Amino acid sequence: MIKDIVVNLSYRTLQDGVSNYALSVAETFGAHIVGIVFAYPVMAGGVGLPANFSRAQQAEAQERAESVVVAFDEATRRAGISAETRRLEAGIGDAPTQFAHIARRFDLSVIGQFESSRDHPTKNIAIEAALFESGRPVLIVPFIQKDRLKLNHVMVCWDGSRAAARAVADAMPFLTRSGKASIVVADIQSAKSADLPGADIATHMTRHGVNVTIERIPVSKIDVSNAILSYAADTDPDLIVMGGYGHSRLREFILGGTTRGMLASMTKPTLMSH
């Protein structure tokens, strides 16, 4: 059950899409939602920054945060959703961890995808912090997202891992409301295997009343994220469910990985668990 949700409204994301989607999730589940808005202070270590410049920058940060708060409060009022906002000050490097710690006390956190297509070393830091440090599922909203939550078709990425199993369990409130769920197995083993990967988890989901099909996609080990994204482009799911960071962040950073590939190119809301 999802009874409370926290949404990060201010870490390099387009707030409108994230806010609208998060509110639609809260509305679907009748959940209370808390919007977290960070006002980033000016870095104190600047070289010879005039005091009036620092004050102006600080005032601008506070003004931007306040505008986000006002917009979110108005949206929740119009929707009739139980909600609150919290204004917090934190350095850009501290905000992701602070948000992750807050998220530990909620059923679900919602974070927007980094809006820039540029390769930036910190662009996924808020998502990574929530995945690794909150102990809760994270719902990532693409920066191009316009629609509210729909659950006609949910795509479940299954590789039999602990993270994937956790994601299925965390996503069950969404899955039981879905019209259908496709279990997608990116099979890096021999396509000649007589086993049907995903059969056991399909049985488990069926017992929960989920309408399940299994899709097996033979792929090379280095091309899993592209295979998943290609399947999603062909089948147009409303939501993707997957385990996040089956390996350590360092290994994923050095070797690449499915999670990093998905975060870089995702076009569908994606629920991840670690």
C-alpha atoms as a PDB file:
ATOM      1  CA  MET A   1       0.000   0.000   0.000  1.00  0.00           C
ATOM      2  CA  ILE A   2       1.139   3.517  -0.763  1.00  0.00           C
ATOM      3  CA  LYS A   3      -0.021   5.969   1.874  1.00  0.00           C
ATOM      4  CA  ASP A   4       2.621   8.674   1.731  1.00  0.00           C
ATOM      5  CA  ILE A   5       4.857  10.011  -1.020  1.00  0.00           C
ATOM      6  CA  VAL A   6       7.731  12.478  -1.048  1.00  0.00           C
ATOM      7  CA  VAL A   7       8.716  14.357  -4.191  1.00  0.00           C
ATOM      8  CA  ASN A   8      11.927  16.258  -4.862  1.00  0.00           C
ATOM      9  CA  LEU A   9      10.884  19.463  -6.613  1.00  0.00           C
ATOM     10  CA  SER A  10      14.140  21.288  -6.959  1.00  0.00           C
ATOM     11  CA  TYR A  11      17.178  19.288  -7.987  1.00  0.00           C
ATOM     12  CA  ARG A  12      17.853  20.300 -11.600  1.00  0.00           C
ATOM     13  CA  THR A  13      14.505  19.073 -12.857  1.00  0.00           C
ATOM     14  CA  LEU A  14      11.561  20.601 -14.657  1.00  0.00           C
ATOM     15  CA  GLN A  15       9.182  20.957 -11.745  1.00  0.00           C
ATOM     16  CA  ASP A  16       5.863  20.982 -13.623  1.00  0.00           C
ATOM     17  CA  GLY A  17       6.169  17.488 -15.098  1.00  0.00           C
ATOM     18  CA  VAL A  18       7.502  15.972 -11.892  1.00  0.00           C
ATOM     19  CA  SER A  19       4.893  17.697  -9.737  1.00  0.00           C
ATOM     20  CA  ASN A  20       1.948  16.798 -11.982  1.00  0.00           C
ATOM     21  CA  TYR A  21       2.980  13.163 -12.213  1.00  0.00           C
ATOM     22  CA  ALA A  22       3.635  12.841  -8.482  1.00  0.00           C
ATOM     23  CA  LEU A  23       0.261  14.393  -7.709  1.00  0.00           C
ATOM     24  CA  SER A  24      -1.473  11.930 -10.034  1.00  0.00           C
ATOM     25  CA  VAL A  25       0.202   9.051  -8.188  1.00  0.00           C
ATOM     26  CA  ALA A  26      -0.965  10.455  -4.841  1.00  0.00           C
ATOM     27  CA  GLU A  27      -4.457  10.888  -6.222  1.00  0.00           C
ATOM     28  CA  THR A  28      -4.553   7.302  -7.531  1.00  0.00           C
ATOM     29  CA  PHE A  29      -3.611   5.819  -4.181  1.00  0.00           C
ATOM     30  CA  GLY A  30      -5.269   8.359  -1.904  1.00  0.00           C
ATOM     31  CA  ALA A  31      -1.848   9.108  -0.449  1.00  0.00           C
ATOM     32  CA  HIS A  32      -0.487  12.110   1.416  1.00  0.00           C
ATOM     33  CA  ILE A  33       2.270  13.872  -0.519  1.00  0.00           C
ATOM     34  CA  VAL A  34       5.136  16.038   0.708  1.00  0.00           C
ATOM     35  CA  GLY A  35       7.001  18.336  -1.671  1.00  0.00           C
ATOM     36  CA  ILE A  36      10.626  19.013  -0.752  1.00  0.00           C
ATOM     37  CA  VAL A  37      12.078  22.255  -2.081  1.00  0.00           C
ATOM     38  CA  PHE A  38      15.778  23.020  -1.622  1.00  0.00           C
ATOM     39  CA  ALA A  39      17.123  26.552  -1.692  1.00  0.00           C
ATOM     40  CA  TYR A  40      20.813  26.230  -2.472  1.00  0.00           C
ATOM     41  CA  PRO A  41      22.944  28.813  -0.639  1.00  0.00           C
ATOM     42  CA  VAL A  42      25.771  30.595  -2.384  1.00  0.00           C
ATOM     43  CA  MET A  43      29.074  28.761  -1.950  1.00  0.00           C
ATOM     44  CA  ALA A  44      31.001  30.473   0.803  1.00  0.00           C
ATOM     45  CA  GLY A  45      34.375  29.609  -0.674  1.00  0.00           C
ATOM     46  CA  GLY A  46      34.128  31.929  -3.642  1.00  0.00           C
ATOM     47  CA  VAL A  47      37.152  34.040  -4.401  1.00  0.00           C
ATOM     48  CA  GLY A  48      36.479  37.624  -3.395  1.00  0.00           C
ATOM     49  CA  LEU A  49      32.737  37.601  -4.014  1.00  0.00           C
ATOM     50  CA  PRO A  50      31.263  40.948  -2.994  1.00  0.00           C
ATOM     51  CA  ALA A  51      28.849  40.697  -0.062  1.00  0.00           C
ATOM     52  CA  ASN A  52      26.045  42.343  -2.011  1.00  0.00           C
ATOM     53  CA  PHE A  53      26.479  39.808  -4.839  1.00  0.00           C
ATOM     54  CA  SER A  54      26.205  36.905  -2.385  1.00  0.00           C
ATOM     55  CA  ARG A  55      23.101  38.409  -0.827  1.00  0.00           C
ATOM     56  CA  ALA A  56      21.521  38.889  -4.230  1.00  0.00           C
ATOM     57  CA  GLN A  57      22.248  35.293  -5.202  1.00  0.00           C
ATOM     58  CA  GLN A  58      20.835  34.040  -1.919  1.00  0.00           C
ATOM     59  CA  ALA A  59      17.695  36.117  -2.371  1.00  0.00           C
ATOM     60  CA  GLU A  60      17.273  34.759  -5.897  1.00  0.00           C
ATOM     61  CA  ALA A  61      17.597  31.167  -4.644  1.00  0.00           C
ATOM     62  CA  GLN A  62      14.980  31.807  -1.976  1.00  0.00           C
ATOM     63  CA  GLU A  63      12.681  33.417  -4.535  1.00  0.00           C
ATOM     64  CA  ARG A  64      12.948  30.443  -6.876  1.00  0.00           C
ATOM     65  CA  ALA A  65      12.244  28.041  -4.023  1.00  0.00           C
ATOM     66  CA  GLU A  66       9.236  30.065  -2.934  1.00  0.00           C
ATOM     67  CA  SER A  67       7.790  30.079  -6.471  1.00  0.00           C
ATOM     68  CA  VAL A  68       8.029  26.289  -6.564  1.00  0.00           C
ATOM     69  CA  VAL A  69       6.305  26.044  -3.181  1.00  0.00           C
ATOM     70  CA  VAL A  70       3.464  28.330  -4.271  1.00  0.00           C
ATOM     71  CA  ALA A  71       2.903  26.401  -7.502  1.00  0.00           C
ATOM     72  CA  PHE A  72       2.911  23.043  -5.711  1.00  0.00           C
ATOM     73  CA  ASP A  73       0.559  24.229  -2.976  1.00  0.00           C
ATOM     74  CA  GLU A  74      -1.847  25.600  -5.571  1.00  0.00           C
ATOM     75  CA  ALA A  75      -1.761  22.357  -7.578  1.00  0.00           C
ATOM     76  CA  THR A  76      -2.497  20.227  -4.526  1.00  0.00           C
ATOM     77  CA  ARG A  77      -5.299  22.559  -3.477  1.00  0.00           C
ATOM     78  CA  ARG A  78      -6.947  22.319  -6.901  1.00  0.00           C
ATOM     79  CA  ALA A  79      -6.634  18.533  -6.860  1.00  0.00           C
ATOM     80  CA  GLY A  80      -7.962  18.216  -3.325  1.00  0.00           C
ATOM     81  CA  ILE A  81      -4.978  16.122  -2.267  1.00  0.00           C
ATOM     82  CA  SER A  82      -3.630  15.885   1.273  1.00  0.00           C
ATOM     83  CA  ALA A  83      -0.253  17.591   0.980  1.00  0.00           C
ATOM     84  CA  GLU A  84       2.414  19.767   2.533  1.00  0.00           C
ATOM     85  CA  THR A  85       5.659  21.411   1.472  1.00  0.00           C
ATOM     86  CA  ARG A  86       8.981  21.743   3.218  1.00  0.00           C
ATOM     87  CA  ARG A  87      11.588  24.383   2.382  1.00  0.00           C
ATOM     88  CA  LEU A  88      15.123  23.284   3.168  1.00  0.00           C
ATOM     89  CA  GLU A  89      18.550  24.819   2.739  1.00  0.00           C
ATOM     90  CA  ALA A  90      21.391  22.540   1.672  1.00  0.00           C
ATOM     91  CA  GLY A  91      24.461  22.693  -0.474  1.00  0.00           C
ATOM     92  CA  ILE A  92      24.153  21.151  -3.913  1.00  0.00           C
ATOM     93  CA  GLY A  93      26.373  18.295  -2.764  1.00  0.00           C
ATOM     94  CA  ASP A  94      24.390  17.713   0.452  1.00  0.00           C
ATOM     95  CA  ALA A  95      20.832  17.934  -0.860  1.00  0.00           C
ATOM     96  CA  PRO A  96      20.681  14.417  -2.434  1.00  0.00           C
ATOM     97  CA  THR A  97      21.697  12.693   0.808  1.00  0.00           C
ATOM     98  CA  GLN A  98      19.360  14.877   2.826  1.00  0.00           C
ATOM     99  CA  PHE A  99      16.472  13.996   0.526  1.00  0.00           C
ATOM    100  CA  ALA A 100      17.345  10.271   0.700  1.00  0.00           C
ATOM    101  CA  HIS A 101      17.233  10.372   4.493  1.00  0.00           C
ATOM    102  CA  ILE A 102      13.834  12.052   4.391  1.00  0.00           C
ATOM    103  CA  ALA A 103      12.595   9.428   1.903  1.00  0.00           C
ATOM    104  CA  ARG A 104      13.230   6.634   4.406  1.00  0.00           C
ATOM    105  CA  ARG A 105      10.026   7.633   6.147  1.00  0.00           C
ATOM    106  CA  PHE A 106       7.799   7.414   3.055  1.00  0.00           C
ATOM    107  CA  ASP A 107       6.397   4.582   0.954  1.00  0.00           C
ATOM    108  CA  LEU A 108       7.677   6.091  -2.280  1.00  0.00           C
ATOM    109  CA  SER A 109       9.911   8.918  -3.458  1.00  0.00           C
ATOM    110  CA  VAL A 110       9.498  10.698  -6.786  1.00  0.00           C
ATOM    111  CA  ILE A 111      12.420  12.386  -8.546  1.00  0.00           C
ATOM    112  CA  GLY A 112      12.717  14.015 -11.948  1.00  0.00           C
ATOM    113  CA  GLN A 113      15.249  12.901 -14.537  1.00  0.00           C
ATOM    114  CA  PHE A 114      18.115  15.329 -15.091  1.00  0.00           C
ATOM    115  CA  GLU A 115      16.804  17.634 -17.781  1.00  0.00           C
ATOM    116  CA  SER A 116      19.985  18.168 -19.771  1.00  0.00           C
ATOM    117  CA  SER A 117      21.259  15.814 -22.457  1.00  0.00           C
ATOM    118  CA  ARG A 118      24.830  16.819 -21.604  1.00  0.00           C
ATOM    119  CA  ASP A 119      26.993  14.234 -19.905  1.00  0.00           C
ATOM    120  CA  HIS A 120      27.508  15.660 -16.430  1.00  0.00           C
ATOM    121  CA  PRO A 121      29.182  13.677 -13.634  1.00  0.00           C
ATOM    122  CA  THR A 122      26.570  14.650 -11.008  1.00  0.00           C
ATOM    123  CA  LYS A 123      23.425  14.467 -13.093  1.00  0.00           C
ATOM    124  CA  ASN A 124      22.130  11.233 -11.494  1.00  0.00           C
ATOM    125  CA  ILE A 125      23.363  11.923  -7.988  1.00  0.00           C
ATOM    126  CA  ALA A 126      19.909  12.595  -6.504  1.00  0.00           C
ATOM    127  CA  ILE A 127      18.513   9.371  -7.968  1.00  0.00           C
ATOM    128  CA  GLU A 128      21.540   7.352  -6.884  1.00  0.00           C
ATOM    129  CA  ALA A 129      21.370   8.727  -3.341  1.00  0.00           C
ATOM    130  CA  ALA A 130      17.682   7.844  -3.047  1.00  0.00           C
ATOM    131  CA  LEU A 131      18.237   4.337  -4.413  1.00  0.00           C
ATOM    132  CA  PHE A 132      21.242   3.498  -2.263  1.00  0.00           C
ATOM    133  CA  GLU A 133      20.431   5.382   0.930  1.00  0.00           C
ATOM    134  CA  SER A 134      16.661   5.563   1.383  1.00  0.00           C
ATOM    135  CA  GLY A 135      15.811   1.856   1.432  1.00  0.00           C
ATOM    136  CA  ARG A 136      12.639   2.776  -0.485  1.00  0.00           C
ATOM    137  CA  PRO A 137      11.526   2.556  -4.114  1.00  0.00           C
ATOM    138  CA  VAL A 138      12.181   5.548  -6.344  1.00  0.00           C
ATOM    139  CA  LEU A 139       9.860   6.620  -9.133  1.00  0.00           C
ATOM    140  CA  ILE A 140      11.829   8.540 -11.765  1.00  0.00           C
ATOM    141  CA  VAL A 141       9.913  10.913 -14.033  1.00  0.00           C
ATOM    142  CA  PRO A 142      11.437  11.671 -17.465  1.00  0.00           C
ATOM    143  CA  PHE A 143      11.928  15.351 -18.175  1.00  0.00           C
ATOM    144  CA  ILE A 144       9.730  14.979 -21.275  1.00  0.00           C
ATOM    145  CA  GLN A 145       6.808  13.525 -19.287  1.00  0.00           C
ATOM    146  CA  LYS A 146       3.513  15.310 -19.849  1.00  0.00           C
ATOM    147  CA  ASP A 147       0.855  12.725 -18.993  1.00  0.00           C
ATOM    148  CA  ARG A 148      -0.413  11.835 -15.565  1.00  0.00           C
ATOM    149  CA  LEU A 149      -0.110   8.318 -14.182  1.00  0.00           C
ATOM    150  CA  LYS A 150      -1.606   5.650 -16.431  1.00  0.00           C
ATOM    151  CA  LEU A 151      -1.440   1.912 -15.781  1.00  0.00           C
ATOM    152  CA  ASN A 152      -2.838   0.295 -18.881  1.00  0.00           C
ATOM    153  CA  HIS A 153       0.477  -1.485 -19.493  1.00  0.00           C
ATOM    154  CA  VAL A 154       3.322  -1.953 -17.017  1.00  0.00           C
ATOM    155  CA  MET A 155       6.649  -3.360 -18.207  1.00  0.00           C
ATOM    156  CA  VAL A 156       8.646  -5.366 -15.656  1.00  0.00           C
ATOM    157  CA  CYS A 157      12.347  -5.917 -16.338  1.00  0.00           C
ATOM    158  CA  TRP A 158      13.287  -9.259 -14.827  1.00  0.00           C
ATOM    159  CA  ASP A 159      16.737 -10.817 -14.429  1.00  0.00           C
ATOM    160  CA  GLY A 160      16.140 -12.884 -11.313  1.00  0.00           C
ATOM    161  CA  SER A 161      18.294 -10.590  -9.149  1.00  0.00           C
ATOM    162  CA  ARG A 162      17.616  -9.409  -5.622  1.00  0.00           C
ATOM    163  CA  ALA A 163      17.104  -5.852  -6.883  1.00  0.00           C
ATOM    164  CA  ALA A 164      14.578  -7.009  -9.496  1.00  0.00           C
ATOM    165  CA  ALA A 165      12.666  -9.017  -6.877  1.00  0.00           C
ATOM    166  CA  ARG A 166      12.610  -5.997  -4.605  1.00  0.00           C
ATOM    167  CA  ALA A 167      11.300  -3.831  -7.444  1.00  0.00           C
ATOM    168  CA  VAL A 168       8.435  -6.241  -8.177  1.00  0.00           C
ATOM    169  CA  ALA A 169       7.428  -6.266  -4.512  1.00  0.00           C
ATOM    170  CA  ASP A 170       7.634  -2.472  -4.256  1.00  0.00           C
ATOM    171  CA  ALA A 171       5.666  -2.021  -7.473  1.00  0.00           C
ATOM    172  CA  MET A 172       2.849  -4.394  -6.509  1.00  0.00           C
ATOM    173  CA  PRO A 173       0.378  -1.564  -5.740  1.00  0.00           C
ATOM    174  CA  PHE A 174       0.888  -0.364  -9.334  1.00  0.00           C
ATOM    175  CA  LEU A 175       0.872  -3.859 -10.825  1.00  0.00           C
ATOM    176  CA  THR A 176      -2.405  -4.882  -9.210  1.00  0.00           C
ATOM    177  CA  ARG A 177      -4.052  -1.801 -10.738  1.00  0.00           C
ATOM    178  CA  SER A 178      -2.588  -2.357 -14.188  1.00  0.00           C
ATOM    179  CA  GLY A 179      -4.489  -3.595 -17.218  1.00  0.00           C
ATOM    180  CA  LYS A 180      -1.607  -5.908 -18.075  1.00  0.00           C
ATOM    181  CA  ALA A 181       2.018  -6.452 -17.148  1.00  0.00           C
ATOM    182  CA  SER A 182       4.757  -7.661 -19.473  1.00  0.00           C
ATOM    183  CA  ILE A 183       7.674  -9.446 -17.812  1.00  0.00           C
ATOM    184  CA  VAL A 184      10.600  -8.673 -20.087  1.00  0.00           C
ATOM    185  CA  VAL A 185      13.597 -10.970 -19.775  1.00  0.00           C
ATOM    186  CA  ALA A 186      16.746  -9.709 -21.488  1.00  0.00           C
ATOM    187  CA  ASP A 187      18.225 -13.176 -21.928  1.00  0.00           C
ATOM    188  CA  ILE A 188      22.015 -13.073 -22.119  1.00  0.00           C
ATOM    189  CA  GLN A 189      22.218 -16.855 -21.875  1.00  0.00           C
ATOM    190  CA  SER A 190      21.815 -19.230 -24.764  1.00  0.00           C
ATOM    191  CA  ALA A 191      18.600 -18.691 -26.653  1.00  0.00           C
ATOM    192  CA  LYS A 192      18.430 -22.507 -26.975  1.00  0.00           C
ATOM    193  CA  SER A 193      17.818 -22.978 -23.246  1.00  0.00           C
ATOM    194  CA  ALA A 194      14.713 -24.985 -22.440  1.00  0.00           C
ATOM    195  CA  ASP A 195      14.052 -22.922 -19.317  1.00  0.00           C
ATOM    196  CA  LEU A 196      11.603 -20.048 -19.477  1.00  0.00           C
ATOM    197  CA  PRO A 197      13.130 -17.186 -17.470  1.00  0.00           C
ATOM    198  CA  GLY A 198      10.521 -15.244 -15.549  1.00  0.00           C
ATOM    199  CA  ALA A 199       8.023 -18.082 -15.213  1.00  0.00           C
ATOM    200  CA  ASP A 200       8.230 -18.220 -11.416  1.00  0.00           C
ATOM    201  CA  ILE A 201       7.826 -14.492 -10.891  1.00  0.00           C
ATOM    202  CA  ALA A 202       4.944 -14.532 -13.396  1.00  0.00           C
ATOM    203  CA  THR A 203       3.199 -17.156 -11.250  1.00  0.00           C
ATOM    204  CA  HIS A 204       3.787 -15.025  -8.168  1.00  0.00           C
ATOM    205  CA  MET A 205       2.322 -11.936  -9.835  1.00  0.00           C
ATOM    206  CA  THR A 206      -0.654 -13.914 -11.143  1.00  0.00           C
ATOM    207  CA  ARG A 207      -1.473 -14.961  -7.581  1.00  0.00           C
ATOM    208  CA  HIS A 208      -1.782 -11.252  -6.820  1.00  0.00           C
ATOM    209  CA  GLY A 209      -4.302 -10.888  -9.621  1.00  0.00           C
ATOM    210  CA  VAL A 210      -1.931  -9.318 -12.174  1.00  0.00           C
ATOM    211  CA  ASN A 211      -2.579 -10.062 -15.860  1.00  0.00           C
ATOM    212  CA  VAL A 212       0.895 -11.242 -16.908  1.00  0.00           C
ATOM    213  CA  THR A 213       2.727 -12.138 -20.105  1.00  0.00           C
ATOM    214  CA  ILE A 214       6.408 -13.048 -20.514  1.00  0.00           C
ATOM    215  CA  GLU A 215       8.592 -11.645 -23.274  1.00  0.00           C
ATOM    216  CA  ARG A 216      12.063 -13.099 -23.794  1.00  0.00           C
ATOM    217  CA  ILE A 217      14.561 -10.909 -25.633  1.00  0.00           C
ATOM    218  CA  PRO A 218      17.921 -12.518 -26.464  1.00  0.00           C
ATOM    219  CA  VAL A 219      20.591  -9.817 -26.203  1.00  0.00           C
ATOM    220  CA  SER A 220      24.322  -9.422 -25.729  1.00  0.00           C
ATOM    221  CA  LYS A 221      25.484  -8.679 -22.184  1.00  0.00           C
ATOM    222  CA  ILE A 222      26.630  -5.163 -23.052  1.00  0.00           C
ATOM    223  CA  ASP A 223      23.395  -4.182 -24.779  1.00  0.00           C
ATOM    224  CA  VAL A 224      20.747  -4.874 -22.131  1.00  0.00           C
ATOM    225  CA  SER A 225      19.652  -1.255 -21.617  1.00  0.00           C
ATOM    226  CA  ASN A 226      19.299  -0.694 -25.373  1.00  0.00           C
ATOM    227  CA  ALA A 227      17.204  -3.855 -25.683  1.00  0.00           C
ATOM    228  CA  ILE A 228      14.914  -2.707 -22.878  1.00  0.00           C
ATOM    229  CA  LEU A 229      14.573   0.775 -24.331  1.00  0.00           C
ATOM    230  CA  SER A 230      13.887  -0.649 -27.786  1.00  0.00           C
ATOM    231  CA  TYR A 231      11.180  -2.935 -26.440  1.00  0.00           C
ATOM    232  CA  ALA A 232       9.649  -0.015 -24.553  1.00  0.00           C
ATOM    233  CA  ALA A 233       9.644   2.089 -27.724  1.00  0.00           C
ATOM    234  CA  ASP A 234       7.840  -0.712 -29.590  1.00  0.00           C
ATOM    235  CA  THR A 235       5.244  -1.528 -26.926  1.00  0.00           C
ATOM    236  CA  ASP A 236       4.710   1.908 -25.325  1.00  0.00           C
ATOM    237  CA  PRO A 237       4.282   0.932 -21.645  1.00  0.00           C
ATOM    238  CA  ASP A 238       2.927   3.472 -19.203  1.00  0.00           C
ATOM    239  CA  LEU A 239       5.391   2.483 -16.482  1.00  0.00           C
ATOM    240  CA  ILE A 240       8.648   0.507 -16.305  1.00  0.00           C
ATOM    241  CA  VAL A 241       9.620  -1.473 -13.202  1.00  0.00           C
ATOM    242  CA  MET A 242      13.203  -2.618 -12.666  1.00  0.00           C
ATOM    243  CA  GLY A 243      15.928  -3.200 -10.120  1.00  0.00           C
ATOM    244  CA  GLY A 244      18.422  -0.363  -9.898  1.00  0.00           C
ATOM    245  CA  TYR A 245      22.190  -0.790  -9.659  1.00  0.00           C
ATOM    246  CA  GLY A 246      22.650  -4.514  -9.259  1.00  0.00           C
ATOM    247  CA  HIS A 247      26.383  -3.772  -8.911  1.00  0.00           C
ATOM    248  CA  SER A 248      28.140  -1.060  -6.951  1.00  0.00           C
ATOM    249  CA  ARG A 249      28.032   2.490  -8.283  1.00  0.00           C
ATOM    250  CA  LEU A 250      31.773   2.346  -8.896  1.00  0.00           C
ATOM    251  CA  ARG A 251      31.550  -0.795 -11.014  1.00  0.00           C
ATOM    252  CA  GLU A 252      28.605   0.625 -12.960  1.00  0.00           C
ATOM    253  CA  PHE A 253      30.515   3.867 -13.524  1.00  0.00           C
ATOM    254  CA  ILE A 254      33.642   2.104 -14.767  1.00  0.00           C
ATOM    255  CA  LEU A 255      32.023  -0.669 -16.804  1.00  0.00           C
ATOM    256  CA  GLY A 256      28.768   0.955 -17.736  1.00  0.00           C
ATOM    257  CA  GLY A 257      25.541  -0.755 -16.793  1.00  0.00           C
ATOM    258  CA  THR A 258      21.856  -1.223 -17.431  1.00  0.00           C
ATOM    259  CA  THR A 259      20.817   1.299 -14.779  1.00  0.00           C
ATOM    260  CA  ARG A 260      23.082   4.044 -16.103  1.00  0.00           C
ATOM    261  CA  GLY A 261      21.936   3.352 -19.650  1.00  0.00           C
ATOM    262  CA  MET A 262      18.308   3.613 -18.615  1.00  0.00           C
ATOM    263  CA  LEU A 263      18.804   6.832 -16.664  1.00  0.00           C
ATOM    264  CA  ALA A 264      20.563   8.413 -19.617  1.00  0.00           C
ATOM    265  CA  SER A 265      17.905   7.585 -22.208  1.00  0.00           C
ATOM    266  CA  MET A 266      14.647   6.793 -20.427  1.00  0.00           C
ATOM    267  CA  THR A 267      11.452   8.180 -21.908  1.00  0.00           C
ATOM    268  CA  LYS A 268       8.952   6.432 -19.606  1.00  0.00           C
ATOM    269  CA  PRO A 269       8.314   6.791 -15.882  1.00  0.00           C
ATOM    270  CA  THR A 270      10.410   4.119 -14.188  1.00  0.00           C
ATOM    271  CA  LEU A 271      10.103   2.643 -10.728  1.00  0.00           C
ATOM    272  CA  MET A 272      13.468   1.408  -9.456  1.00  0.00           C
ATOM    273  CA  SER A 273      14.464  -0.395  -6.273  1.00  0.00           C
ATOM    274  CA  HIS A 274      17.871  -1.379  -5.012  1.00  0.00           C
END
